[in-house]
C-alpha atoms as a PDB file:
ATOM      1  CA  UNK A   1      81.098 -49.736  50.603  1.00  0.00           C
ATOM      2  CA  UNK A   2      83.305 -51.459  52.585  1.00  0.00           C
ATOM      3  CA  UNK A   3      83.599 -50.787  56.172  1.00  0.00           C
ATOM      4  CA  UNK A   4      87.492 -51.260  57.629  1.00  0.00           C
ATOM      5  CA  UNK A   5      86.792 -50.969  61.180  1.00  0.00           C
ATOM      6  CA  UNK A   6      83.991 -53.575  62.123  1.00  0.00           C
ATOM      7  CA  UNK A   7      81.045 -53.091  64.152  1.00  0.00           C
ATOM      8  CA  UNK A   8      81.568 -54.101  67.844  1.00  0.00           C
ATOM      9  CA  UNK A   9      79.288 -53.969  70.871  1.00  0.00           C
ATOM     10  CA  UNK A  10      79.816 -55.115  74.164  1.00  0.00           C
ATOM     11  CA  UNK A  11      77.700 -55.903  77.218  1.00  0.00           C
ATOM     12  CA  UNK A  12      77.085 -57.225  80.940  1.00  0.00           C
ATOM     13  CA  UNK A  13      74.793 -57.577  83.621  1.00  0.00           C
ATOM     14  CA  UNK A  14      75.519 -56.025  87.306  1.00  0.00           C
ATOM     15  CA  UNK A  15      74.053 -55.827  90.616  1.00  0.00           C
ATOM     16  CA  UNK A  16      75.056 -53.466  93.348  1.00  0.00           C
ATOM     17  CA  UNK A  17      78.395 -52.774  91.519  1.00  0.00           C
ATOM     18  CA  UNK A  18      79.321 -49.483  90.541  1.00  0.00           C
ATOM     19  CA  UNK A  19      82.918 -48.770  91.163  1.00  0.00           C
ATOM     20  CA  UNK A  20      83.653 -51.212  88.556  1.00  0.00           C
ATOM     21  CA  UNK A  21      81.082 -50.604  86.680  1.00  0.00           C
ATOM     22  CA  UNK A  22      82.096 -46.746  86.064  1.00  0.00           C
ATOM     23  CA  UNK A  23      85.645 -47.805  85.124  1.00  0.00           C
ATOM     24  CA  UNK A  24      84.107 -50.412  82.849  1.00  0.00           C
ATOM     25  CA  UNK A  25      81.727 -47.592  81.157  1.00  0.00           C
ATOM     26  CA  UNK A  26      84.820 -45.327  80.627  1.00  0.00           C
ATOM     27  CA  UNK A  27      86.820 -47.295  79.429  1.00  0.00           C
ATOM     28  CA  UNK A  28      85.024 -49.502  76.894  1.00  0.00           C
ATOM     29  CA  UNK A  29      83.079 -46.521  76.097  1.00  0.00           C
ATOM     30  CA  UNK A  30      86.367 -44.690  75.204  1.00  0.00           C
ATOM     31  CA  UNK A  31      87.483 -47.644  73.079  1.00  0.00           C
ATOM     32  CA  UNK A  32      83.979 -48.709  71.382  1.00  0.00           C
ATOM     33  CA  UNK A  33      81.378 -45.230  71.609  1.00  0.00           C
ATOM     34  CA  UNK A  34      78.961 -45.617  74.562  1.00  0.00           C
ATOM     35  CA  UNK A  35      76.540 -45.778  71.954  1.00  0.00           C
ATOM     36  CA  UNK A  36      77.783 -49.454  71.764  1.00  0.00           C
ATOM     37  CA  UNK A  37      77.897 -50.209  75.303  1.00  0.00           C
ATOM     38  CA  UNK A  38      74.786 -52.214  76.849  1.00  0.00           C
ATOM     39  CA  UNK A  39      74.488 -52.605  80.352  1.00  0.00           C
ATOM     40  CA  UNK A  40      71.567 -55.149  82.000  1.00  0.00           C
ATOM     41  CA  UNK A  41      70.966 -54.575  85.666  1.00  0.00           C
ATOM     42  CA  UNK A  42      69.979 -57.672  87.726  1.00  0.00           C
ATOM     43  CA  UNK A  43      66.677 -56.356  89.738  1.00  0.00           C
ATOM     44  CA  UNK A  44      64.426 -53.470  89.077  1.00  0.00           C
ATOM     45  CA  UNK A  45      64.937 -52.407  92.201  1.00  0.00           C
ATOM     46  CA  UNK A  46      68.718 -51.297  91.089  1.00  0.00           C
ATOM     47  CA  UNK A  47      69.426 -47.335  90.082  1.00  0.00           C
ATOM     48  CA  UNK A  48      70.798 -46.679  86.915  1.00  0.00           C
ATOM     49  CA  UNK A  49      73.917 -44.417  87.746  1.00  0.00           C
ATOM     50  CA  UNK A  50      74.336 -41.065  86.062  1.00  0.00           C
ATOM     51  CA  UNK A  51      77.601 -42.191  84.797  1.00  0.00           C
ATOM     52  CA  UNK A  52      75.601 -44.579  82.140  1.00  0.00           C
ATOM     53  CA  UNK A  53      74.535 -41.294  80.093  1.00  0.00           C
ATOM     54  CA  UNK A  54      74.431 -42.420  76.575  1.00  0.00           C
ATOM     55  CA  UNK A  55      74.984 -46.185  77.125  1.00  0.00           C
ATOM     56  CA  UNK A  56      71.821 -48.526  76.777  1.00  0.00           C
ATOM     57  CA  UNK A  57      71.141 -49.541  80.607  1.00  0.00           C
ATOM     58  CA  UNK A  58      68.015 -51.845  80.921  1.00  0.00           C
ATOM     59  CA  UNK A  59      66.679 -52.390  84.106  1.00  0.00           C
ATOM     60  CA  UNK A  60      65.716 -56.598  84.521  1.00  0.00           C
ATOM     61  CA  UNK A  61      63.658 -58.334  87.070  1.00  0.00           C
ATOM     62  CA  UNK A  62      66.032 -60.291  89.467  1.00  0.00           C
ATOM     63  CA  UNK A  63      67.299 -63.778  88.479  1.00  0.00           C
ATOM     64  CA  UNK A  64      66.186 -65.674  91.168  1.00  0.00           C
ATOM     65  CA  UNK A  65      68.232 -68.621  92.872  1.00  0.00           C
ATOM     66  CA  UNK A  66      71.831 -69.449  94.073  1.00  0.00           C
ATOM     67  CA  UNK A  67      74.477 -68.678  91.731  1.00  0.00           C
ATOM     68  CA  UNK A  68      75.031 -71.921  89.927  1.00  0.00           C
ATOM     69  CA  UNK A  69      71.354 -71.509  88.446  1.00  0.00           C
ATOM     70  CA  UNK A  70      71.684 -67.783  88.851  1.00  0.00           C
ATOM     71  CA  UNK A  71      74.629 -67.592  86.524  1.00  0.00           C
ATOM     72  CA  UNK A  72      73.413 -69.968  83.603  1.00  0.00           C
ATOM     73  CA  UNK A  73      70.276 -68.122  83.645  1.00  0.00           C
ATOM     74  CA  UNK A  74      72.399 -65.095  83.225  1.00  0.00           C
ATOM     75  CA  UNK A  75      74.533 -65.997  80.506  1.00  0.00           C
ATOM     76  CA  UNK A  76      71.735 -67.788  78.688  1.00  0.00           C
ATOM     77  CA  UNK A  77      69.815 -64.196  78.644  1.00  0.00           C
ATOM     78  CA  UNK A  78      73.197 -62.356  77.836  1.00  0.00           C
ATOM     79  CA  UNK A  79      73.798 -65.090  74.894  1.00  0.00           C
ATOM     80  CA  UNK A  80      70.483 -64.269  73.585  1.00  0.00           C
ATOM     81  CA  UNK A  81      71.135 -60.232  73.655  1.00  0.00           C
ATOM     82  CA  UNK A  82      74.177 -61.000  71.635  1.00  0.00           C
ATOM     83  CA  UNK A  83      72.982 -63.368  69.113  1.00  0.00           C
ATOM     84  CA  UNK A  84      69.953 -60.410  68.784  1.00  0.00           C
ATOM     85  CA  UNK A  85      72.681 -57.674  68.157  1.00  0.00           C
ATOM     86  CA  UNK A  86      74.232 -59.417  65.680  1.00  0.00           C
ATOM     87  CA  UNK A  87      71.077 -60.483  63.801  1.00  0.00           C
ATOM     88  CA  UNK A  88      68.953 -57.314  64.451  1.00  0.00           C
ATOM     89  CA  UNK A  89      71.239 -54.903  64.875  1.00  0.00           C
ATOM     90  CA  UNK A  90      74.234 -55.855  61.942  1.00  0.00           C
ATOM     91  CA  UNK A  91      76.911 -55.947  64.862  1.00  0.00           C
ATOM     92  CA  UNK A  92      79.889 -58.099  63.314  1.00  0.00           C
ATOM     93  CA  UNK A  93      81.065 -58.773  66.712  1.00  0.00           C
ATOM     94  CA  UNK A  94      79.921 -58.561  70.471  1.00  0.00           C
ATOM     95  CA  UNK A  95      82.125 -58.720  73.599  1.00  0.00           C
ATOM     96  CA  UNK A  96      80.960 -60.578  76.685  1.00  0.00           C
ATOM     97  CA  UNK A  97      82.550 -59.194  79.682  1.00  0.00           C
ATOM     98  CA  UNK A  98      81.615 -58.955  83.716  1.00  0.00           C
ATOM     99  CA  UNK A  99      81.975 -55.350  84.944  1.00  0.00           C
ATOM    100  CA  UNK A 100      85.350 -56.164  86.562  1.00  0.00           C
ATOM    101  CA  UNK A 101      86.781 -57.507  83.204  1.00  0.00           C
ATOM    102  CA  UNK A 102      88.755 -55.272  80.893  1.00  0.00           C
ATOM    103  CA  UNK A 103      89.850 -56.749  77.383  1.00  0.00           C
ATOM    104  CA  UNK A 104      92.994 -55.124  76.480  1.00  0.00           C
ATOM    105  CA  UNK A 105      95.012 -55.323  73.193  1.00  0.00           C
ATOM    106  CA  UNK A 106      98.829 -55.028  73.856  1.00  0.00           C
ATOM    107  CA  UNK A 107      99.757 -51.063  73.540  1.00  0.00           C
ATOM    108  CA  UNK A 108     102.828 -52.405  71.175  1.00  0.00           C
ATOM    109  CA  UNK A 109     100.461 -52.883  68.402  1.00  0.00           C
ATOM    110  CA  UNK A 110      99.760 -49.460  68.122  1.00  0.00           C
ATOM    111  CA  UNK A 111      96.135 -50.061  67.835  1.00  0.00           C
ATOM    112  CA  UNK A 112      92.953 -49.569  69.397  1.00  0.00           C
ATOM    113  CA  UNK A 113      90.455 -52.710  70.334  1.00  0.00           C
ATOM    114  CA  UNK A 114      88.141 -51.858  67.590  1.00  0.00           C
ATOM    115  CA  UNK A 115      91.003 -51.749  65.014  1.00  0.00           C
ATOM    116  CA  UNK A 116      92.933 -54.581  66.398  1.00  0.00           C
ATOM    117  CA  UNK A 117      89.838 -56.730  66.082  1.00  0.00           C
ATOM    118  CA  UNK A 118      88.877 -55.575  62.654  1.00  0.00           C
ATOM    119  CA  UNK A 119      92.455 -57.010  61.627  1.00  0.00           C
ATOM    120  CA  UNK A 120      91.580 -60.568  62.569  1.00  0.00           C
ATOM    121  CA  UNK A 121      89.918 -63.569  61.660  1.00  0.00           C
ATOM    122  CA  UNK A 122      87.269 -64.510  64.177  1.00  0.00           C
ATOM    123  CA  UNK A 123      85.287 -67.288  62.808  1.00  0.00           C
ATOM    124  CA  UNK A 124      83.226 -68.206  66.325  1.00  0.00           C
ATOM    125  CA  UNK A 125      85.412 -66.614  69.183  1.00  0.00           C
ATOM    126  CA  UNK A 126      88.432 -65.236  70.542  1.00  0.00           C
ATOM    127  CA  UNK A 127      90.112 -65.320  73.554  1.00  0.00           C
ATOM    128  CA  UNK A 128      92.413 -63.009  75.645  1.00  0.00           C
ATOM    129  CA  UNK A 129      94.921 -64.430  78.065  1.00  0.00           C
ATOM    130  CA  UNK A 130      93.551 -64.174  81.567  1.00  0.00           C
ATOM    131  CA  UNK A 131      95.307 -61.687  83.687  1.00  0.00           C
ATOM    132  CA  UNK A 132      93.826 -61.597  87.433  1.00  0.00           C
ATOM    133  CA  UNK A 133      95.381 -58.368  88.884  1.00  0.00           C
ATOM    134  CA  UNK A 134      95.828 -58.764  92.449  1.00  0.00           C
ATOM    135  CA  UNK A 135      96.944 -56.145  95.561  1.00  0.00           C
ATOM    136  CA  UNK A 136     100.519 -56.644  96.522  1.00  0.00           C
ATOM    137  CA  UNK A 137      99.883 -56.259 100.314  1.00  0.00           C
ATOM    138  CA  UNK A 138     103.435 -55.490 101.147  1.00  0.00           C
ATOM    139  CA  UNK A 139     103.892 -52.743  98.515  1.00  0.00           C
ATOM    140  CA  UNK A 140     100.504 -51.648  97.297  1.00  0.00           C
ATOM    141  CA  UNK A 141      97.881 -49.452  99.355  1.00  0.00           C
ATOM    142  CA  UNK A 142      93.834 -49.230  99.239  1.00  0.00           C
ATOM    143  CA  UNK A 143      92.900 -49.095  95.920  1.00  0.00           C
ATOM    144  CA  UNK A 144      91.858 -45.422  94.910  1.00  0.00           C
ATOM    145  CA  UNK A 145      88.919 -45.352  92.427  1.00  0.00           C
ATOM    146  CA  UNK A 146      89.878 -41.833  90.894  1.00  0.00           C
ATOM    147  CA  UNK A 147      93.570 -42.905  89.853  1.00  0.00           C
ATOM    148  CA  UNK A 148      93.682 -45.504  86.768  1.00  0.00           C
ATOM    149  CA  UNK A 149      94.172 -49.070  88.341  1.00  0.00           C
ATOM    150  CA  UNK A 150      97.073 -49.963  86.628  1.00  0.00           C
ATOM    151  CA  UNK A 151      99.046 -46.909  88.168  1.00  0.00           C
ATOM    152  CA  UNK A 152      98.304 -48.673  91.735  1.00  0.00           C
ATOM    153  CA  UNK A 153      98.775 -52.330  90.657  1.00  0.00           C
ATOM    154  CA  UNK A 154     101.760 -54.180  89.211  1.00  0.00           C
ATOM    155  CA  UNK A 155     101.463 -57.440  89.346  1.00  0.00           C
ATOM    156  CA  UNK A 156      98.917 -60.373  88.383  1.00  0.00           C
ATOM    157  CA  UNK A 157      98.349 -63.864  88.601  1.00  0.00           C
ATOM    158  CA  UNK A 158      98.261 -65.745  84.893  1.00  0.00           C
ATOM    159  CA  UNK A 159      95.038 -67.692  85.489  1.00  0.00           C
ATOM    160  CA  UNK A 160      93.357 -70.037  82.874  1.00  0.00           C
ATOM    161  CA  UNK A 161      89.993 -69.072  84.680  1.00  0.00           C
ATOM    162  CA  UNK A 162      89.706 -65.799  83.140  1.00  0.00           C
ATOM    163  CA  UNK A 163      91.096 -66.926  80.067  1.00  0.00           C
ATOM    164  CA  UNK A 164      87.337 -66.338  78.300  1.00  0.00           C
ATOM    165  CA  UNK A 165      86.053 -66.699  75.041  1.00  0.00           C
ATOM    166  CA  UNK A 166      84.805 -62.991  75.174  1.00  0.00           C
ATOM    167  CA  UNK A 167      84.513 -62.160  71.674  1.00  0.00           C
ATOM    168  CA  UNK A 168      82.351 -63.679  69.233  1.00  0.00           C
ATOM    169  CA  UNK A 169      81.478 -63.329  66.000  1.00  0.00           C
ATOM    170  CA  UNK A 170      78.340 -65.537  65.677  1.00  0.00           C
ATOM    171  CA  UNK A 171      75.885 -66.586  67.805  1.00  0.00           C
ATOM    172  CA  UNK A 172      76.824 -69.010  70.402  1.00  0.00           C
ATOM    173  CA  UNK A 173      76.066 -69.959  73.992  1.00  0.00           C
ATOM    174  CA  UNK A 174      78.464 -68.896  76.502  1.00  0.00           C
ATOM    175  CA  UNK A 175      78.959 -71.085  79.441  1.00  0.00           C
ATOM    176  CA  UNK A 176      78.487 -69.397  83.411  1.00  0.00           C
ATOM    177  CA  UNK A 177      80.674 -66.495  83.867  1.00  0.00           C
ATOM    178  CA  UNK A 178      81.550 -66.679  79.972  1.00  0.00           C
ATOM    179  CA  UNK A 179      84.363 -69.317  80.684  1.00  0.00           C
ATOM    180  CA  UNK A 180      83.262 -70.952  77.563  1.00  0.00           C
ATOM    181  CA  UNK A 181      81.028 -71.308  74.472  1.00  0.00           C
ATOM    182  CA  UNK A 182      79.386 -74.293  74.382  1.00  0.00           C
ATOM    183  CA  UNK A 183      80.052 -76.712  71.262  1.00  0.00           C
ATOM    184  CA  UNK A 184      83.405 -74.851  70.385  1.00  0.00           C
ATOM    185  CA  UNK A 185      87.055 -74.870  71.044  1.00  0.00           C
ATOM    186  CA  UNK A 186      88.375 -71.402  71.571  1.00  0.00           C
ATOM    187  CA  UNK A 187      91.527 -69.875  70.404  1.00  0.00           C
ATOM    188  CA  UNK A 188      93.976 -67.353  72.312  1.00  0.00           C
ATOM    189  CA  UNK A 189      95.245 -64.472  70.306  1.00  0.00           C
ATOM    190  CA  UNK A 190      98.679 -63.280  70.969  1.00  0.00           C
ATOM    191  CA  UNK A 191      97.937 -59.450  71.602  1.00  0.00           C
ATOM    192  CA  UNK A 192      94.582 -59.613  73.598  1.00  0.00           C
ATOM    193  CA  UNK A 193      94.495 -59.916  77.142  1.00  0.00           C
ATOM    194  CA  UNK A 194      91.099 -60.132  79.639  1.00  0.00           C
ATOM    195  CA  UNK A 195      92.649 -58.377  83.013  1.00  0.00           C
ATOM    196  CA  UNK A 196      90.349 -59.167  85.996  1.00  0.00           C
ATOM    197  CA  UNK A 197      90.846 -56.610  88.469  1.00  0.00           C
ATOM    198  CA  UNK A 198      88.100 -57.957  91.191  1.00  0.00           C
ATOM    199  CA  UNK A 199      91.149 -59.121  93.250  1.00  0.00           C
ATOM    200  CA  UNK A 200      92.947 -55.468  93.698  1.00  0.00           C
ATOM    201  CA  UNK A 201      91.948 -55.002  96.984  1.00  0.00           C
ATOM    202  CA  UNK A 202      91.592 -57.084 100.153  1.00  0.00           C
ATOM    203  CA  UNK A 203      89.653 -54.440 102.128  1.00  0.00           C
ATOM    204  CA  UNK A 204      87.045 -54.435  99.336  1.00  0.00           C
ATOM    205  CA  UNK A 205      86.738 -58.281  99.401  1.00  0.00           C
ATOM    206  CA  UNK A 206      86.281 -58.330 103.111  1.00  0.00           C
ATOM    207  CA  UNK A 207      83.825 -55.996 102.628  1.00  0.00           C
ATOM    208  CA  UNK A 208      81.686 -57.961 100.340  1.00  0.00           C
ATOM    209  CA  UNK A 209      82.494 -61.157 102.403  1.00  0.00           C
ATOM    210  CA  UNK A 210      79.728 -59.263 104.818  1.00  0.00           C
ATOM    211  CA  UNK A 211      77.665 -58.234 102.324  1.00  0.00           C
ATOM    212  CA  UNK A 212      74.092 -59.844 102.832  1.00  0.00           C
ATOM    213  CA  UNK A 213      73.037 -59.374  99.493  1.00  0.00           C
ATOM    214  CA  UNK A 214      75.857 -61.179  97.731  1.00  0.00           C
ATOM    215  CA  UNK A 215      75.842 -64.155 100.740  1.00  0.00           C
ATOM    216  CA  UNK A 216      72.384 -64.861 100.108  1.00  0.00           C
ATOM    217  CA  UNK A 217      72.741 -65.803  96.284  1.00  0.00           C
ATOM    218  CA  UNK A 218      76.025 -68.342  97.660  1.00  0.00           C
ATOM    219  CA  UNK A 219      78.611 -66.503  96.254  1.00  0.00           C
ATOM    220  CA  UNK A 220      80.958 -66.606  99.604  1.00  0.00           C
ATOM    221  CA  UNK A 221      82.901 -69.130  98.122  1.00  0.00           C
ATOM    222  CA  UNK A 222      83.415 -67.266  94.681  1.00  0.00           C
ATOM    223  CA  UNK A 223      84.446 -63.738  96.838  1.00  0.00           C
ATOM    224  CA  UNK A 224      87.091 -65.758  98.906  1.00  0.00           C
ATOM    225  CA  UNK A 225      88.554 -67.166  95.985  1.00  0.00           C
ATOM    226  CA  UNK A 226      89.443 -63.597  94.904  1.00  0.00           C
ATOM    227  CA  UNK A 227      91.263 -63.193  98.497  1.00  0.00           C
ATOM    228  CA  UNK A 228      93.432 -66.064  97.748  1.00  0.00           C
ATOM    229  CA  UNK A 229      94.689 -64.186  94.461  1.00  0.00           C
ATOM    230  CA  UNK A 230      96.231 -61.371  96.706  1.00  0.00           C
ATOM    231  CA  UNK A 231      98.274 -63.991  98.530  1.00  0.00           C
ATOM    232  CA  UNK A 232      99.486 -65.443  95.703  1.00  0.00           C
ATOM    233  CA  UNK A 233     100.714 -62.463  94.067  1.00  0.00           C
ATOM    234  CA  UNK A 234     102.387 -61.114  97.690  1.00  0.00           C
ATOM    235  CA  UNK A 235     104.180 -64.237  98.176  1.00  0.00           C
ATOM    236  CA  UNK A 236     105.258 -65.122  94.464  1.00  0.00           C
ATOM    237  CA  UNK A 237     108.517 -63.688  92.894  1.00  0.00           C
ATOM    238  CA  UNK A 238     106.984 -61.973  90.007  1.00  0.00           C
ATOM    239  CA  UNK A 239     108.310 -63.235  86.450  1.00  0.00           C
ATOM    240  CA  UNK A 240     109.064 -60.868  83.378  1.00  0.00           C
ATOM    241  CA  UNK A 241     105.851 -60.448  81.606  1.00  0.00           C
ATOM    242  CA  UNK A 242     106.535 -60.974  77.680  1.00  0.00           C
ATOM    243  CA  UNK A 243     108.330 -64.269  77.860  1.00  0.00           C
ATOM    244  CA  UNK A 244     106.236 -65.511  80.426  1.00  0.00           C
ATOM    245  CA  UNK A 245     103.061 -64.683  78.889  1.00  0.00           C
ATOM    246  CA  UNK A 246     103.716 -66.087  75.230  1.00  0.00           C
ATOM    247  CA  UNK A 247     105.104 -69.230  77.293  1.00  0.00           C
ATOM    248  CA  UNK A 248     101.504 -69.447  79.286  1.00  0.00           C
ATOM    249  CA  UNK A 249      99.573 -68.812  75.980  1.00  0.00           C
ATOM    250  CA  UNK A 250     101.123 -71.342  74.299  1.00  0.00           C
ATOM    251  CA  UNK A 251     100.528 -74.125  77.176  1.00  0.00           C
ATOM    252  CA  UNK A 252      96.783 -73.191  77.937  1.00  0.00           C
ATOM    253  CA  UNK A 253      96.180 -72.866  74.047  1.00  0.00           C
ATOM    254  CA  UNK A 254      96.993 -76.580  73.871  1.00  0.00           C
ATOM    255  CA  UNK A 255      96.322 -77.824  77.891  1.00  0.00           C
ATOM    256  CA  UNK A 256      92.367 -78.422  78.343  1.00  0.00           C
ATOM    257  CA  UNK A 257      90.716 -78.906  81.360  1.00  0.00           C
ATOM    258  CA  UNK A 258      90.528 -82.794  82.069  1.00  0.00           C
ATOM    259  CA  UNK A 259      86.600 -82.363  81.859  1.00  0.00           C
ATOM    260  CA  UNK A 260      85.759 -79.773  79.731  1.00  0.00           C
ATOM    261  CA  UNK A 261      87.979 -79.685  76.096  1.00  0.00           C
ATOM    262  CA  UNK A 262      86.717 -76.101  75.586  1.00  0.00           C
ATOM    263  CA  UNK A 263      88.120 -74.253  78.629  1.00  0.00           C
ATOM    264  CA  UNK A 264      92.146 -73.959  79.110  1.00  0.00           C
ATOM    265  CA  UNK A 265      93.586 -75.352  81.763  1.00  0.00           C
ATOM    266  CA  UNK A 266      96.920 -73.718  83.637  1.00  0.00           C
ATOM    267  CA  UNK A 267      99.961 -76.141  83.166  1.00  0.00           C
ATOM    268  CA  UNK A 268     101.825 -74.945  86.174  1.00  0.00           C
ATOM    269  CA  UNK A 269     100.062 -72.627  89.336  1.00  0.00           C
ATOM    270  CA  UNK A 270     100.781 -69.703  90.861  1.00  0.00           C
ATOM    271  CA  UNK A 271     102.713 -67.866  87.528  1.00  0.00           C
ATOM    272  CA  UNK A 272     102.838 -64.087  88.652  1.00  0.00           C
ATOM    273  CA  UNK A 273     104.116 -61.638  86.586  1.00  0.00           C
ATOM    274  CA  UNK A 274     104.945 -58.113  86.679  1.00  0.00           C
ATOM    275  CA  UNK A 275     102.597 -55.720  84.599  1.00  0.00           C
ATOM    276  CA  UNK A 276     104.388 -53.862  82.403  1.00  0.00           C
ATOM    277  CA  UNK A 277     104.650 -50.172  82.190  1.00  0.00           C
ATOM    278  CA  UNK A 278     103.291 -49.729  78.837  1.00  0.00           C
ATOM    279  CA  UNK A 279      99.308 -50.701  80.411  1.00  0.00           C
ATOM    280  CA  UNK A 280      99.448 -48.432  82.707  1.00  0.00           C
ATOM    281  CA  UNK A 281      97.098 -45.578  81.938  1.00  0.00           C
ATOM    282  CA  UNK A 282      94.587 -47.959  80.090  1.00  0.00           C
ATOM    283  CA  UNK A 283      92.520 -48.265  83.045  1.00  0.00           C
END
């Protein structure tokens, strides 16, 4: 019998990131079913939290080395896991994202994430437009994890860095951070957005700057970049969402990184938008 809704799995790898992982499990579990979530913990010193009940969770040996080498190994491992899910477990698509990233279909479609992905033709991969949500320091307080993030955060930086080929429909090799699929181009879907929440709280970022485990792997520069998003969001005049995201999507679809043709490029920097109310209760 023909299935109208495709089988879709989502996977991630985390280390000491329960704050975002809990939201990740709640969101993707509600969208796809917890049985279709795969969470790999980087390090056997980790503990699988209680909120992962019903999720396939596995402790893996710690990936050694500094961030560049470790990221390459992490994404090679996750790419192989995604290929196995399609070849051995019969999944039609796999979503690969970090624990602070949420692939969202525009509520205007009236469809859930799996319903929408089942209607589009994905030959190799598809991307959602990157939406880097930041804290407006003059208008928004410290984040409260018990309240939906988007009820507390209203501004985002449209950043090509987070326009990632998160959804794959055939075995591929993701580049570091899921930022590209090696050997293939990309397509940005008109109704998909990849919301990144790693920049939603300045205090959280400052705390991470003092985290010895993170600093030991060479991630300080990466953490500092997240703080820059907050200052961009605070200082910029926010633009209207619908027209701005449509224009940015077209630009990123055609403009590529000078030394990486399969990664999008922002033609204009510091484009900040106000997130519409229709997204407020999703995450």
